[in-house]
């Protein structure tokens, strides 16, 4: 894992909008997998991009049957409108969240 992006170099930059944060996320890849930033009024963050594991979820469920129940509950909650995507979360942030 490389820490290639400390937004702003040696001094941590403040992210002032969800669009700005999304720009940094879109630029992440295996070579640029960690970014550090701060959001005024919220705090400092370290975002780590983790590569997807090729192992199927089925193998994990076989190791831990309780996991299957958790997936089913999560899917049901999402179906009932109790879930949110990362994009929707970013869209829900307003200017006042960053001040």
Protein backbone atom coordinates (compact mmCIF):
# COMPACT_ATOMS: atom_id res chain seq x y z
CA UNK A 1 0.00 0.00 0.00
CA UNK A 2 1.43 3.36 -1.01
CA UNK A 3 0.61 6.62 0.70
CA UNK A 4 1.08 8.73 -2.40
CA UNK A 5 -1.51 11.38 -1.76
CA UNK A 6 -1.51 13.54 1.29
CA UNK A 7 -3.83 16.11 -0.19
CA UNK A 8 -1.85 19.33 -0.15
CA UNK A 9 1.58 17.70 0.20
CA UNK A 10 3.12 17.81 3.69
CA UNK A 11 0.26 19.90 5.01
CA UNK A 12 -3.15 18.24 5.06
CA UNK A 13 -5.60 20.09 2.81
CA UNK A 14 -9.17 20.83 3.68
CA UNK A 15 -11.76 19.29 1.36
CA UNK A 16 -14.37 21.97 0.86
CA UNK A 17 -17.00 20.15 -1.22
CA UNK A 18 -18.29 16.69 -2.02
CA UNK A 19 -17.30 17.29 -5.67
CA UNK A 20 -13.71 17.89 -4.60
CA UNK A 21 -13.72 14.72 -2.47
CA UNK A 22 -15.21 12.70 -5.34
CA UNK A 23 -12.42 13.94 -7.63
CA UNK A 24 -9.80 12.52 -5.25
CA UNK A 25 -11.70 9.22 -4.92
CA UNK A 26 -11.98 8.88 -8.71
CA UNK A 27 -8.20 9.29 -9.02
CA UNK A 28 -7.43 6.44 -6.61
CA UNK A 29 -5.89 3.23 -7.96
CA UNK A 30 -3.50 0.50 -6.81
CA UNK A 31 -0.54 2.91 -6.99
CA UNK A 32 -2.42 5.79 -5.33
CA UNK A 33 -4.37 3.81 -2.74
CA UNK A 34 -4.39 6.08 0.33
CA UNK A 35 -5.44 9.71 0.71
CA UNK A 36 -5.53 11.84 3.82
CA UNK A 37 -7.69 14.92 4.11
CA UNK A 38 -9.72 16.96 6.54
CA UNK A 39 -13.26 18.27 6.41
CA UNK A 40 -13.71 21.40 8.51
CA UNK A 41 -16.10 20.74 11.36
CA UNK A 42 -15.88 16.96 10.90
CA UNK A 43 -12.23 15.99 11.37
CA UNK A 44 -9.32 14.30 9.64
CA UNK A 45 -9.81 11.26 7.42
CA UNK A 46 -7.66 8.58 5.84
CA UNK A 47 -9.28 6.83 2.90
CA UNK A 48 -7.83 3.48 1.83
CA UNK A 49 -8.64 1.75 -1.45
CA UNK A 50 -8.67 -1.98 -0.92
CA UNK A 51 -8.46 -4.26 -3.91
CA UNK A 52 -11.32 -6.66 -4.37
CA UNK A 53 -10.67 -10.21 -3.32
CA UNK A 54 -11.29 -12.79 -6.04
CA UNK A 55 -12.60 -15.25 -3.45
CA UNK A 56 -16.34 -15.62 -3.75
CA UNK A 57 -18.71 -14.57 -1.01
CA UNK A 58 -19.99 -18.16 -0.99
CA UNK A 59 -16.69 -19.34 0.49
CA UNK A 60 -16.98 -16.75 3.27
CA UNK A 61 -20.57 -17.79 3.98
CA UNK A 62 -19.52 -21.43 4.28
CA UNK A 63 -16.93 -20.38 6.88
CA UNK A 64 -19.43 -18.24 8.79
CA UNK A 65 -23.14 -19.11 8.32
CA UNK A 66 -24.15 -16.02 10.29
CA UNK A 67 -22.77 -13.99 7.40
CA UNK A 68 -25.52 -15.30 5.11
CA UNK A 69 -28.15 -14.03 7.53
CA UNK A 70 -26.43 -10.64 7.63
CA UNK A 71 -26.41 -10.42 3.81
CA UNK A 72 -30.10 -11.30 3.65
CA UNK A 73 -31.00 -8.73 6.32
CA UNK A 74 -28.92 -6.09 4.56
CA UNK A 75 -30.54 -6.82 1.19
CA UNK A 76 -34.00 -6.62 2.75
CA UNK A 77 -33.20 -3.30 4.43
CA UNK A 78 -31.86 -1.89 1.15
CA UNK A 79 -34.97 -3.11 -0.67
CA UNK A 80 -37.11 -1.31 1.93
CA UNK A 81 -35.25 1.95 1.34
CA UNK A 82 -33.00 1.82 4.40
CA UNK A 83 -29.72 1.77 2.45
CA UNK A 84 -27.68 4.43 0.74
CA UNK A 85 -24.97 4.23 -1.89
CA UNK A 86 -21.66 6.07 -1.55
CA UNK A 87 -22.73 8.36 -4.40
CA UNK A 88 -26.00 9.16 -2.64
CA UNK A 89 -24.13 9.83 0.60
CA UNK A 90 -21.82 12.29 -1.18
CA UNK A 91 -24.82 13.95 -2.85
CA UNK A 92 -26.47 14.37 0.57
CA UNK A 93 -23.59 16.46 1.90
CA UNK A 94 -24.12 20.19 1.76
CA UNK A 95 -21.83 23.21 2.00
CA UNK A 96 -22.64 23.55 5.72
CA UNK A 97 -21.16 20.08 6.34
CA UNK A 98 -17.81 21.47 5.20
CA UNK A 99 -17.80 24.72 7.18
